[in-house]
Amino acid sequence: MGGGDVKLFAVNALWFDFHGLLFLASAIAIIGGVVAVLLIVLRRMMFASCNQSRVPPICRVNGPIPYGIAIAIGTIATLYVSGPNPSGAGALPTFVHD
């Protein structure tokens, strides 16, 4: 995961409490695995016979896997299942509240 992916995950994690964050991390991991496997299989099937120097980097056989897609889909799935944290304070301890 590059720096942009980590920042995207951190910003999306601010929308949820700790329960939602657990679901978010699980959803991103599962969807990221599915996206990676699909991308690897499609690359092997479609672009094995192509000239690899003329194919965009994302379509190359050993190209990068964009994890931002999994983060975005996982965030949308978590919003659909648990919704955003309704209060800004979430599950913080009682001594933190005014």
PDB file of N, CA and C in Angstrom:
ATOM      1  N   MET A   1       0.850  -1.174   0.000  1.00  0.00           N
ATOM      2  CA  MET A   1       0.000   0.000   0.000  1.00  0.00           C
ATOM      3  C   MET A   1       0.894   1.234   0.000  1.00  0.00           C
ATOM      4  N   GLY A   2       0.601   2.130  -0.889  1.00  0.00           N
ATOM      5  CA  GLY A   2       1.364   3.361  -0.965  1.00  0.00           C
ATOM      6  C   GLY A   2       0.855   4.390   0.027  1.00  0.00           C
ATOM      7  N   GLY A   3       1.483   5.547   0.023  1.00  0.00           N
ATOM      8  CA  GLY A   3       1.111   6.607   0.954  1.00  0.00           C
ATOM      9  C   GLY A   3      -0.295   7.126   0.737  1.00  0.00           C
ATOM     10  N   GLY A   4      -0.728   7.206  -0.514  1.00  0.00           N
ATOM     11  CA  GLY A   4      -2.075   7.687  -0.795  1.00  0.00           C
ATOM     12  C   GLY A   4      -3.147   6.733  -0.310  1.00  0.00           C
ATOM     13  N   ASP A   5      -2.887   5.434  -0.421  1.00  0.00           N
ATOM     14  CA  ASP A   5      -3.861   4.448   0.050  1.00  0.00           C
ATOM     15  C   ASP A   5      -4.024   4.510   1.562  1.00  0.00           C
ATOM     16  N   VAL A   6      -2.936   4.684   2.260  1.00  0.00           N
ATOM     17  CA  VAL A   6      -2.990   4.767   3.726  1.00  0.00           C
ATOM     18  C   VAL A   6      -3.732   6.024   4.154  1.00  0.00           C
ATOM     19  N   LYS A   7      -3.503   7.117   3.467  1.00  0.00           N
ATOM     20  CA  LYS A   7      -4.214   8.361   3.792  1.00  0.00           C
ATOM     21  C   LYS A   7      -5.704   8.226   3.515  1.00  0.00           C
ATOM     22  N   LEU A   8      -6.049   7.588   2.408  1.00  0.00           N
ATOM     23  CA  LEU A   8      -7.458   7.372   2.085  1.00  0.00           C
ATOM     24  C   LEU A   8      -8.139   6.506   3.139  1.00  0.00           C
ATOM     25  N   PHE A   9      -7.458   5.452   3.583  1.00  0.00           N
ATOM     26  CA  PHE A   9      -8.022   4.594   4.623  1.00  0.00           C
ATOM     27  C   PHE A   9      -8.197   5.371   5.933  1.00  0.00           C
ATOM     28  N   ALA A  10      -7.216   6.186   6.287  1.00  0.00           N
ATOM     29  CA  ALA A  10      -7.300   6.964   7.533  1.00  0.00           C
ATOM     30  C   ALA A  10      -8.455   7.960   7.490  1.00  0.00           C
ATOM     31  N   VAL A  11      -8.641   8.630   6.379  1.00  0.00           N
ATOM     32  CA  VAL A  11      -9.733   9.595   6.257  1.00  0.00           C
ATOM     33  C   VAL A  11     -11.080   8.893   6.307  1.00  0.00           C
ATOM     34  N   ASN A  12     -11.195   7.763   5.645  1.00  0.00           N
ATOM     35  CA  ASN A  12     -12.454   7.017   5.675  1.00  0.00           C
ATOM     36  C   ASN A  12     -12.743   6.442   7.050  1.00  0.00           C
ATOM     37  N   ALA A  13     -11.713   6.088   7.789  1.00  0.00           N
ATOM     38  CA  ALA A  13     -11.912   5.529   9.131  1.00  0.00           C
ATOM     39  C   ALA A  13     -12.475   6.559  10.101  1.00  0.00           C
ATOM     40  N   LEU A  14     -12.306   7.837   9.820  1.00  0.00           N
ATOM     41  CA  LEU A  14     -12.840   8.883  10.699  1.00  0.00           C
ATOM     42  C   LEU A  14     -14.364   8.915  10.710  1.00  0.00           C
ATOM     43  N   TRP A  15     -14.994   8.308   9.730  1.00  0.00           N
ATOM     44  CA  TRP A  15     -16.449   8.331   9.652  1.00  0.00           C
ATOM     45  C   TRP A  15     -17.119   7.332  10.585  1.00  0.00           C
ATOM     46  N   PHE A  16     -16.367   6.402  11.168  1.00  0.00           N
ATOM     47  CA  PHE A  16     -16.969   5.292  11.898  1.00  0.00           C
ATOM     48  C   PHE A  16     -16.472   5.235  13.337  1.00  0.00           C
ATOM     49  N   ASP A  17     -17.291   4.591  14.201  1.00  0.00           N
ATOM     50  CA  ASP A  17     -16.843   4.299  15.554  1.00  0.00           C
ATOM     51  C   ASP A  17     -16.013   3.017  15.512  1.00  0.00           C
ATOM     52  N   PHE A  18     -15.638   2.497  16.680  1.00  0.00           N
ATOM     53  CA  PHE A  18     -14.755   1.336  16.705  1.00  0.00           C
ATOM     54  C   PHE A  18     -15.409   0.080  16.130  1.00  0.00           C
ATOM     55  N   HIS A  19     -16.705  -0.088  16.338  1.00  0.00           N
ATOM     56  CA  HIS A  19     -17.407  -1.241  15.770  1.00  0.00           C
ATOM     57  C   HIS A  19     -17.409  -1.147  14.242  1.00  0.00           C
ATOM     58  N   GLY A  20     -17.726   0.029  13.723  1.00  0.00           N
ATOM     59  CA  GLY A  20     -17.723   0.220  12.283  1.00  0.00           C
ATOM     60  C   GLY A  20     -16.334   0.114  11.682  1.00  0.00           C
ATOM     61  N   LEU A  21     -15.330   0.498  12.460  1.00  0.00           N
ATOM     62  CA  LEU A  21     -13.956   0.411  11.976  1.00  0.00           C
ATOM     63  C   LEU A  21     -13.515  -1.033  11.791  1.00  0.00           C
ATOM     64  N   LEU A  22     -13.961  -1.915  12.673  1.00  0.00           N
ATOM     65  CA  LEU A  22     -13.653  -3.339  12.526  1.00  0.00           C
ATOM     66  C   LEU A  22     -14.289  -3.899  11.254  1.00  0.00           C
ATOM     67  N   PHE A  23     -15.541  -3.537  11.003  1.00  0.00           N
ATOM     68  CA  PHE A  23     -16.206  -3.979   9.780  1.00  0.00           C
ATOM     69  C   PHE A  23     -15.533  -3.364   8.554  1.00  0.00           C
ATOM     70  N   LEU A  24     -15.118  -2.097   8.657  1.00  0.00           N
ATOM     71  CA  LEU A  24     -14.452  -1.428   7.541  1.00  0.00           C
ATOM     72  C   LEU A  24     -13.148  -2.130   7.180  1.00  0.00           C
ATOM     73  N   ALA A  25     -12.337  -2.434   8.168  1.00  0.00           N
ATOM     74  CA  ALA A  25     -11.058  -3.111   7.904  1.00  0.00           C
ATOM     75  C   ALA A  25     -11.289  -4.503   7.310  1.00  0.00           C
ATOM     76  N   SER A  26     -12.280  -5.209   7.812  1.00  0.00           N
ATOM     77  CA  SER A  26     -12.592  -6.536   7.274  1.00  0.00           C
ATOM     78  C   SER A  26     -13.092  -6.454   5.840  1.00  0.00           C
ATOM     79  N   ALA A  27     -13.979  -5.514   5.580  1.00  0.00           N
ATOM     80  CA  ALA A  27     -14.531  -5.361   4.227  1.00  0.00           C
ATOM     81  C   ALA A  27     -13.437  -4.973   3.238  1.00  0.00           C
ATOM     82  N   ILE A  28     -12.558  -4.074   3.639  1.00  0.00           N
ATOM     83  CA  ILE A  28     -11.473  -3.655   2.747  1.00  0.00           C
ATOM     84  C   ILE A  28     -10.525  -4.817   2.470  1.00  0.00           C
ATOM     85  N   ALA A  29     -10.215  -5.598   3.482  1.00  0.00           N
ATOM     86  CA  ALA A  29      -9.310  -6.735   3.278  1.00  0.00           C
ATOM     87  C   ALA A  29      -9.918  -7.776   2.338  1.00  0.00           C
ATOM     88  N   ILE A  30     -11.192  -8.085   2.533  1.00  0.00           N
ATOM     89  CA  ILE A  30     -11.849  -9.085   1.680  1.00  0.00           C
ATOM     90  C   ILE A  30     -11.986  -8.565   0.252  1.00  0.00           C
ATOM     91  N   ILE A  31     -12.461  -7.347   0.102  1.00  0.00           N
ATOM     92  CA  ILE A  31     -12.641  -6.785  -1.234  1.00  0.00           C
ATOM     93  C   ILE A  31     -11.293  -6.588  -1.912  1.00  0.00           C
ATOM     94  N   GLY A  32     -10.269  -6.206  -1.151  1.00  0.00           N
ATOM     95  CA  GLY A  32      -8.932  -6.059  -1.721  1.00  0.00           C
ATOM     96  C   GLY A  32      -8.389  -7.372  -2.247  1.00  0.00           C
ATOM     97  N   GLY A  33      -8.642  -8.456  -1.538  1.00  0.00           N
ATOM     98  CA  GLY A  33      -8.225  -9.769  -2.012  1.00  0.00           C
ATOM     99  C   GLY A  33      -8.946 -10.177  -3.277  1.00  0.00           C
ATOM    100  N   VAL A  34     -10.241  -9.904  -3.323  1.00  0.00           N
ATOM    101  CA  VAL A  34     -11.027 -10.249  -4.514  1.00  0.00           C
ATOM    102  C   VAL A  34     -10.560  -9.429  -5.712  1.00  0.00           C
ATOM    103  N   VAL A  35     -10.351  -8.125  -5.513  1.00  0.00           N
ATOM    104  CA  VAL A  35      -9.886  -7.263  -6.605  1.00  0.00           C
ATOM    105  C   VAL A  35      -8.515  -7.716  -7.095  1.00  0.00           C
ATOM    106  N   ALA A  36      -7.621  -8.059  -6.179  1.00  0.00           N
ATOM    107  CA  ALA A  36      -6.277  -8.496  -6.563  1.00  0.00           C
ATOM    108  C   ALA A  36      -6.324  -9.788  -7.370  1.00  0.00           C
ATOM    109  N   VAL A  37      -7.104 -10.754  -6.914  1.00  0.00           N
ATOM    110  CA  VAL A  37      -7.195 -12.026  -7.631  1.00  0.00           C
ATOM    111  C   VAL A  37      -7.819 -11.824  -9.011  1.00  0.00           C
ATOM    112  N   LEU A  38      -8.893 -11.044  -9.098  1.00  0.00           N
ATOM    113  CA  LEU A  38      -9.519 -10.782 -10.387  1.00  0.00           C
ATOM    114  C   LEU A  38      -8.566 -10.075 -11.344  1.00  0.00           C
ATOM    115  N   LEU A  39      -7.839  -9.099 -10.828  1.00  0.00           N
ATOM    116  CA  LEU A  39      -6.906  -8.364 -11.674  1.00  0.00           C
ATOM    117  C   LEU A  39      -5.771  -9.254 -12.163  1.00  0.00           C
ATOM    118  N   ILE A  40      -5.272 -10.099 -11.292  1.00  0.00           N
ATOM    119  CA  ILE A  40      -4.195 -11.008 -11.690  1.00  0.00           C
ATOM    120  C   ILE A  40      -4.676 -12.001 -12.746  1.00  0.00           C
ATOM    121  N   VAL A  41      -5.859 -12.557 -12.532  1.00  0.00           N
ATOM    122  CA  VAL A  41      -6.399 -13.519 -13.497  1.00  0.00           C
ATOM    123  C   VAL A  41      -6.669 -12.845 -14.841  1.00  0.00           C
ATOM    124  N   LEU A  42      -7.279 -11.667 -14.816  1.00  0.00           N
ATOM    125  CA  LEU A  42      -7.566 -10.970 -16.072  1.00  0.00           C
ATOM    126  C   LEU A  42      -6.285 -10.587 -16.799  1.00  0.00           C
ATOM    127  N   ARG A  43      -5.274 -10.175 -16.055  1.00  0.00           N
ATOM    128  CA  ARG A  43      -3.996  -9.832 -16.688  1.00  0.00           C
ATOM    129  C   ARG A  43      -3.372 -11.046 -17.357  1.00  0.00           C
ATOM    130  N   ARG A  44      -3.420 -12.161 -16.691  1.00  0.00           N
ATOM    131  CA  ARG A  44      -2.823 -13.380 -17.259  1.00  0.00           C
ATOM    132  C   ARG A  44      -3.581 -13.851 -18.493  1.00  0.00           C
ATOM    133  N   MET A  45      -4.895 -13.735 -18.470  1.00  0.00           N
ATOM    134  CA  MET A  45      -5.700 -14.222 -19.588  1.00  0.00           C
ATOM    135  C   MET A  45      -5.647 -13.277 -20.790  1.00  0.00           C
ATOM    136  N   MET A  46      -5.800 -11.998 -20.542  1.00  0.00           N
ATOM    137  CA  MET A  46      -5.977 -11.054 -21.630  1.00  0.00           C
ATOM    138  C   MET A  46      -4.679 -10.523 -22.218  1.00  0.00           C
ATOM    139  N   PHE A  47      -3.687 -10.283 -21.367  1.00  0.00           N
ATOM    140  CA  PHE A  47      -2.517  -9.563 -21.832  1.00  0.00           C
ATOM    141  C   PHE A  47      -1.255 -10.411 -21.907  1.00  0.00           C
ATOM    142  N   ALA A  48      -1.378 -11.711 -21.805  1.00  0.00           N
ATOM    143  CA  ALA A  48      -0.192 -12.563 -21.866  1.00  0.00           C
ATOM    144  C   ALA A  48       0.430 -12.543 -23.259  1.00  0.00           C
ATOM    145  N   SER A  49      -0.393 -12.422 -24.272  1.00  0.00           N
ATOM    146  CA  SER A  49       0.134 -12.449 -25.632  1.00  0.00           C
ATOM    147  C   SER A  49       0.436 -11.058 -26.174  1.00  0.00           C
ATOM    148  N   CYS A  50       0.102 -10.014 -25.442  1.00  0.00           N
ATOM    149  CA  CYS A  50       0.316  -8.647 -25.919  1.00  0.00           C
ATOM    150  C   CYS A  50       1.758  -8.217 -25.715  1.00  0.00           C
ATOM    151  N   ASN A  51       2.148  -7.189 -26.444  1.00  0.00           N
ATOM    152  CA  ASN A  51       3.452  -6.568 -26.259  1.00  0.00           C
ATOM    153  C   ASN A  51       3.402  -5.763 -24.956  1.00  0.00           C
ATOM    154  N   GLN A  52       4.109  -6.201 -23.930  1.00  0.00           N
ATOM    155  CA  GLN A  52       4.006  -5.613 -22.605  1.00  0.00           C
ATOM    156  C   GLN A  52       4.535  -4.178 -22.542  1.00  0.00           C
ATOM    157  N   SER A  53       5.352  -3.759 -23.482  1.00  0.00           N
ATOM    158  CA  SER A  53       5.875  -2.390 -23.449  1.00  0.00           C
ATOM    159  C   SER A  53       4.830  -1.374 -23.901  1.00  0.00           C
ATOM    160  N   ARG A  54       3.795  -1.803 -24.612  1.00  0.00           N
ATOM    161  CA  ARG A  54       2.781  -0.882 -25.111  1.00  0.00           C
ATOM    162  C   ARG A  54       1.522  -0.881 -24.256  1.00  0.00           C
ATOM    163  N   VAL A  55       1.443  -1.751 -23.256  1.00  0.00           N
ATOM    164  CA  VAL A  55       0.264  -1.857 -22.393  1.00  0.00           C
ATOM    165  C   VAL A  55       0.440  -0.902 -21.207  1.00  0.00           C
ATOM    166  N   PRO A  56      -0.619  -0.219 -20.763  1.00  0.00           N
ATOM    167  CA  PRO A  56      -0.502   0.646 -19.582  1.00  0.00           C
ATOM    168  C   PRO A  56      -0.028  -0.151 -18.364  1.00  0.00           C
ATOM    169  N   PRO A  57       0.645   0.498 -17.408  1.00  0.00           N
ATOM    170  CA  PRO A  57       1.213  -0.232 -16.257  1.00  0.00           C
ATOM    171  C   PRO A  57       0.203  -1.059 -15.471  1.00  0.00           C
ATOM    172  N   ILE A  58      -1.030  -0.574 -15.333  1.00  0.00           N
ATOM    173  CA  ILE A  58      -2.019  -1.319 -14.552  1.00  0.00           C
ATOM    174  C   ILE A  58      -2.422  -2.617 -15.245  1.00  0.00           C
ATOM    175  N   CYS A  59      -2.245  -2.693 -16.555  1.00  0.00           N
ATOM    176  CA  CYS A  59      -2.634  -3.884 -17.306  1.00  0.00           C
ATOM    177  C   CYS A  59      -1.477  -4.850 -17.534  1.00  0.00           C
ATOM    178  N   ARG A  60      -0.274  -4.496 -17.133  1.00  0.00           N
ATOM    179  CA  ARG A  60       0.868  -5.387 -17.334  1.00  0.00           C
ATOM    180  C   ARG A  60       0.772  -6.578 -16.400  1.00  0.00           C
ATOM    181  N   VAL A  61       1.400  -7.668 -16.788  1.00  0.00           N
ATOM    182  CA  VAL A  61       1.313  -8.910 -16.023  1.00  0.00           C
ATOM    183  C   VAL A  61       1.828  -8.717 -14.595  1.00  0.00           C
ATOM    184  N   ASN A  62       2.908  -8.007 -14.412  1.00  0.00           N
ATOM    185  CA  ASN A  62       3.449  -7.760 -13.067  1.00  0.00           C
ATOM    186  C   ASN A  62       3.214  -6.326 -12.627  1.00  0.00           C
ATOM    187  N   GLY A  63       2.149  -5.713 -13.088  1.00  0.00           N
ATOM    188  CA  GLY A  63       1.856  -4.316 -12.782  1.00  0.00           C
ATOM    189  C   GLY A  63       1.313  -4.124 -11.381  1.00  0.00           C
ATOM    190  N   PRO A  64       1.118  -2.866 -10.995  1.00  0.00           N
ATOM    191  CA  PRO A  64       0.611  -2.562  -9.655  1.00  0.00           C
ATOM    192  C   PRO A  64      -0.863  -2.934  -9.505  1.00  0.00           C
ATOM    193  N   ILE A  65      -1.269  -3.141  -8.264  1.00  0.00           N
ATOM    194  CA  ILE A  65      -2.678  -3.415  -7.958  1.00  0.00           C
ATOM    195  C   ILE A  65      -3.216  -2.196  -7.211  1.00  0.00           C
ATOM    196  N   PRO A  66      -4.184  -1.483  -7.779  1.00  0.00           N
ATOM    197  CA  PRO A  66      -4.699  -0.271  -7.132  1.00  0.00           C
ATOM    198  C   PRO A  66      -5.591  -0.616  -5.941  1.00  0.00           C
ATOM    199  N   TYR A  67      -5.078  -0.392  -4.727  1.00  0.00           N
ATOM    200  CA  TYR A  67      -5.824  -0.752  -3.529  1.00  0.00           C
ATOM    201  C   TYR A  67      -6.865   0.303  -3.167  1.00  0.00           C
ATOM    202  N   GLY A  68      -6.777   1.478  -3.779  1.00  0.00           N
ATOM    203  CA  GLY A  68      -7.773   2.513  -3.520  1.00  0.00           C
ATOM    204  C   GLY A  68      -9.174   2.088  -3.921  1.00  0.00           C
ATOM    205  N   ILE A  69      -9.265   1.228  -4.925  1.00  0.00           N
ATOM    206  CA  ILE A  69     -10.563   0.703  -5.348  1.00  0.00           C
ATOM    207  C   ILE A  69     -11.192  -0.105  -4.220  1.00  0.00           C
ATOM    208  N   ALA A  70     -10.404  -0.957  -3.581  1.00  0.00           N
ATOM    209  CA  ALA A  70     -10.907  -1.769  -2.478  1.00  0.00           C
ATOM    210  C   ALA A  70     -11.289  -0.895  -1.285  1.00  0.00           C
ATOM    211  N   ILE A  71     -10.518   0.141  -1.024  1.00  0.00           N
ATOM    212  CA  ILE A  71     -10.829   1.039   0.093  1.00  0.00           C
ATOM    213  C   ILE A  71     -12.150   1.762  -0.169  1.00  0.00           C
ATOM    214  N   ALA A  72     -12.351   2.224  -1.384  1.00  0.00           N
ATOM    215  CA  ALA A  72     -13.592   2.931  -1.713  1.00  0.00           C
ATOM    216  C   ALA A  72     -14.805   2.002  -1.632  1.00  0.00           C
ATOM    217  N   ILE A  73     -14.698   0.813  -2.195  1.00  0.00           N
ATOM    218  CA  ILE A  73     -15.824  -0.128  -2.159  1.00  0.00           C
ATOM    219  C   ILE A  73     -16.096  -0.593  -0.727  1.00  0.00           C
ATOM    220  N   GLY A  74     -15.036  -0.837   0.045  1.00  0.00           N
ATOM    221  CA  GLY A  74     -15.205  -1.237   1.442  1.00  0.00           C
ATOM    222  C   GLY A  74     -15.863  -0.150   2.270  1.00  0.00           C
ATOM    223  N   THR A  75     -15.521   1.103   2.006  1.00  0.00           N
ATOM    224  CA  THR A  75     -16.139   2.218   2.723  1.00  0.00           C
ATOM    225  C   THR A  75     -17.615   2.338   2.368  1.00  0.00           C
ATOM    226  N   ILE A  76     -17.938   2.191   1.106  1.00  0.00           N
ATOM    227  CA  ILE A  76     -19.347   2.248   0.689  1.00  0.00           C
ATOM    228  C   ILE A  76     -20.134   1.100   1.303  1.00  0.00           C
ATOM    229  N   ALA A  77     -19.542  -0.094   1.344  1.00  0.00           N
ATOM    230  CA  ALA A  77     -20.226  -1.237   1.959  1.00  0.00           C
ATOM    231  C   ALA A  77     -20.440  -1.013   3.451  1.00  0.00           C
ATOM    232  N   THR A  78     -19.456  -0.439   4.130  1.00  0.00           N
ATOM    233  CA  THR A  78     -19.596  -0.175   5.566  1.00  0.00           C
ATOM    234  C   THR A  78     -20.633   0.903   5.818  1.00  0.00           C
ATOM    235  N   LEU A  79     -20.677   1.920   4.992  1.00  0.00           N
ATOM    236  CA  LEU A  79     -21.719   2.940   5.133  1.00  0.00           C
ATOM    237  C   LEU A  79     -23.103   2.342   4.931  1.00  0.00           C
ATOM    238  N   TYR A  80     -23.210   1.410   4.002  1.00  0.00           N
ATOM    239  CA  TYR A  80     -24.492   0.768   3.745  1.00  0.00           C
ATOM    240  C   TYR A  80     -24.917  -0.115   4.921  1.00  0.00           C
ATOM    241  N   VAL A  81     -23.967  -0.856   5.505  1.00  0.00           N
ATOM    242  CA  VAL A  81     -24.301  -1.804   6.568  1.00  0.00           C
ATOM    243  C   VAL A  81     -24.497  -1.114   7.915  1.00  0.00           C
ATOM    244  N   SER A  82     -23.527  -0.287   8.316  1.00  0.00           N
ATOM    245  CA  SER A  82     -23.598   0.275   9.665  1.00  0.00           C
ATOM    246  C   SER A  82     -23.873   1.765   9.698  1.00  0.00           C
ATOM    247  N   GLY A  83     -23.744   2.443   8.585  1.00  0.00           N
ATOM    248  CA  GLY A  83     -23.956   3.885   8.554  1.00  0.00           C
ATOM    249  C   GLY A  83     -22.806   4.616   9.225  1.00  0.00           C
ATOM    250  N   PRO A  84     -22.722   5.924   9.002  1.00  0.00           N
ATOM    251  CA  PRO A  84     -21.655   6.677   9.644  1.00  0.00           C
ATOM    252  C   PRO A  84     -21.927   6.841  11.129  1.00  0.00           C
ATOM    253  N   ASN A  85     -20.909   7.187  11.846  1.00  0.00           N
ATOM    254  CA  ASN A  85     -21.050   7.434  13.270  1.00  0.00           C
ATOM    255  C   ASN A  85     -21.921   8.671  13.449  1.00  0.00           C
ATOM    256  N   PRO A  86     -23.069   8.562  14.120  1.00  0.00           N
ATOM    257  CA  PRO A  86     -23.972   9.702  14.208  1.00  0.00           C
ATOM    258  C   PRO A  86     -23.424  10.860  15.036  1.00  0.00           C
ATOM    259  N   SER A  87     -22.681  10.583  16.081  1.00  0.00           N
ATOM    260  CA  SER A  87     -22.105  11.667  16.872  1.00  0.00           C
ATOM    261  C   SER A  87     -20.633  11.777  16.532  1.00  0.00           C
ATOM    262  N   GLY A  88     -20.081  12.947  16.721  1.00  0.00           N
ATOM    263  CA  GLY A  88     -18.676  13.137  16.414  1.00  0.00           C
ATOM    264  C   GLY A  88     -17.758  12.472  17.412  1.00  0.00           C
ATOM    265  N   ALA A  89     -18.283  12.083  18.580  1.00  0.00           N
ATOM    266  CA  ALA A  89     -17.435  11.546  19.629  1.00  0.00           C
ATOM    267  C   ALA A  89     -17.398  10.023  19.655  1.00  0.00           C
ATOM    268  N   GLY A  90     -18.389   9.368  19.081  1.00  0.00           N
ATOM    269  CA  GLY A  90     -18.379   7.914  18.960  1.00  0.00           C
ATOM    270  C   GLY A  90     -18.257   7.185  20.273  1.00  0.00           C
ATOM    271  N   ALA A  91     -17.329   6.277  20.346  1.00  0.00           N
ATOM    272  CA  ALA A  91     -17.175   5.427  21.526  1.00  0.00           C
ATOM    273  C   ALA A  91     -16.023   5.903  22.403  1.00  0.00           C
ATOM    274  N   LEU A  92     -15.846   7.203  22.533  1.00  0.00           N
ATOM    275  CA  LEU A  92     -14.782   7.714  23.385  1.00  0.00           C
ATOM    276  C   LEU A  92     -15.151   7.523  24.851  1.00  0.00           C
ATOM    277  N   PRO A  93     -14.183   7.440  25.732  1.00  0.00           N
ATOM    278  CA  PRO A  93     -14.475   7.297  27.159  1.00  0.00           C
ATOM    279  C   PRO A  93     -15.252   8.504  27.702  1.00  0.00           C
ATOM    280  N   THR A  94     -15.938   8.312  28.810  1.00  0.00           N
ATOM    281  CA  THR A  94     -16.805   9.363  29.348  1.00  0.00           C
ATOM    282  C   THR A  94     -16.031  10.584  29.822  1.00  0.00           C
ATOM    283  N   PHE A  95     -14.791  10.425  30.249  1.00  0.00           N
ATOM    284  CA  PHE A  95     -14.040  11.571  30.742  1.00  0.00           C
ATOM    285  C   PHE A  95     -13.604  12.513  29.620  1.00  0.00           C
ATOM    286  N   VAL A  96     -13.722  12.093  28.384  1.00  0.00           N
ATOM    287  CA  VAL A  96     -13.336  12.945  27.267  1.00  0.00           C
ATOM    288  C   VAL A  96     -14.454  13.945  26.945  1.00  0.00           C
ATOM    289  N   HIS A  97     -15.708  13.566  27.189  1.00  0.00           N
ATOM    290  CA  HIS A  97     -16.851  14.423  26.886  1.00  0.00           C
ATOM    291  C   HIS A  97     -16.923  15.574  27.879  1.00  0.00           C
ATOM    292  N   ASP A  98     -17.482  16.682  27.400  1.00  0.00           N
ATOM    293  CA  ASP A  98     -17.660  17.860  28.290  1.00  0.00           C
ATOM    294  C   ASP A  98     -18.827  17.691  29.209  1.00  0.00           C
TER     295      ASP A  98
END
